């Protein structure tokens, strides 16, 4: 299995190399040269299997010789042992033909745990074989950072730095990043919004002297291994509802496009997905792009669903790569235009995207109303991101069962839930002391040089 860049000018890598590299040296994102297909019989054989067994069957074709079967099964077992539900990702029925996939039973109560816990195990195992040490720098709108902290804290071969937008994450998200006491993890509260944090991380990867000097690696969804781990729960949920004999649809609340791109990969692998629906909050650049063909930034407005407050959806580049016939030069031109504010998607590429994805948006008022209505009808308490997904999913219900991804536990966003519901959701018992733990955080400017200096100083200690 070989991996190529979406911009066509970076070296072709193995899985292990792509996992450790993160962003390609030409600024692009790595994707598999060929997406392996699973037969109907192979998908049908997943029925009744554990989440861990399905993870092995779905991911194994992508790994090459990075791990033996026994090693990989062991890493999967470690990754999901700390989840708070035996099913890992249980399905709950919301209404006729509409299901909620609960992806918030991991250690940090968000869907990012499914990928981050596993990539932490895989990276540590790969580094232990070589004796190397890496510096991981990531940007977060809230959930990626806390999941990365939980996955990498205390690991012997990794220093981890997480940039998050100061004042633009929930108190629970912030404390999950700032309360780990292990010396190898650092929370950096940066001035600006998530797109600023993401841009500085990409700048570090594109500064090759710095990148090579600190042995830089990434765990944002620019890292292919992150996307691959998320492909698993599409198979897990679809098979539970009758696939491959029965088609299913998915609605995904998304800002950075990684989670729904994982669904796209699942469909390319042979999973019978009828609709893949992009759900955005009022920062609706993806919905606008799908409807108009113009991907144009117009600023980020803070919302009660902060993990979706994004204008530069990094993983959309992977979808564009396929939409433009895997033409790296064409993608490079679009990404250059994005630096000036936006780009227009060609008619042919838009045809492919519209055949593949549907989309919708949800306002702040609609988010709150959905949380209130779903609780009244079902007793299910939704986080604001999941509510965005449910509202858009209801606009796309059809004959196939619709599965909406519930991306976070409501207790991660207690202020928004309390404002909508009148009651404050409690954290699970294992996190009950979160607000009593001391915080450890560094406030940093939106300045590349200052960030690089800080990182060099910290890893030299």
Foldseek 3Di string as FASTA:
>chain_A
DWKAFLQGDFDIHALLVLQLLLAGLVRGFIDDPDQAADDQVLLLVCFPPALLVLLCSQCVVRHPVLDDSVLLSVLSCQLCVQFDDRNCWDWDDLDVLEIETLLQRHPLFFVLSLQQLSSLSSNLVSCVVVVAAAEEEEEALFDNQLSNCVNNAPRDRYAYEYEAAPPQFFPSSQLSNFFDPGLRYAYEHEHDHRVLSVVLVSVCSNPVVLCVVRSYGYDDLSRVSSLSSLLSVVSVVLSNVPPPVAEAEEFEEDAQCSNLVSVVSNVSNPRRHDAYEYFAEPQPQVQCCLVPQKLFDDAFDRALVSRNRHSHNRCVSVLLCVLVVNPSNVSVVQVVVVVVTIDGHDPSSSVVVNNHHHYDYHYRVQLLVQQQVSCVSPVDHAASSQSSRVVVVVVVDDDHRYYYYRGGDNQSSQVSSCVSPVDGDADPPVCNCSVVGDTHHHYDYSDSVRVSVVVVVSVVD
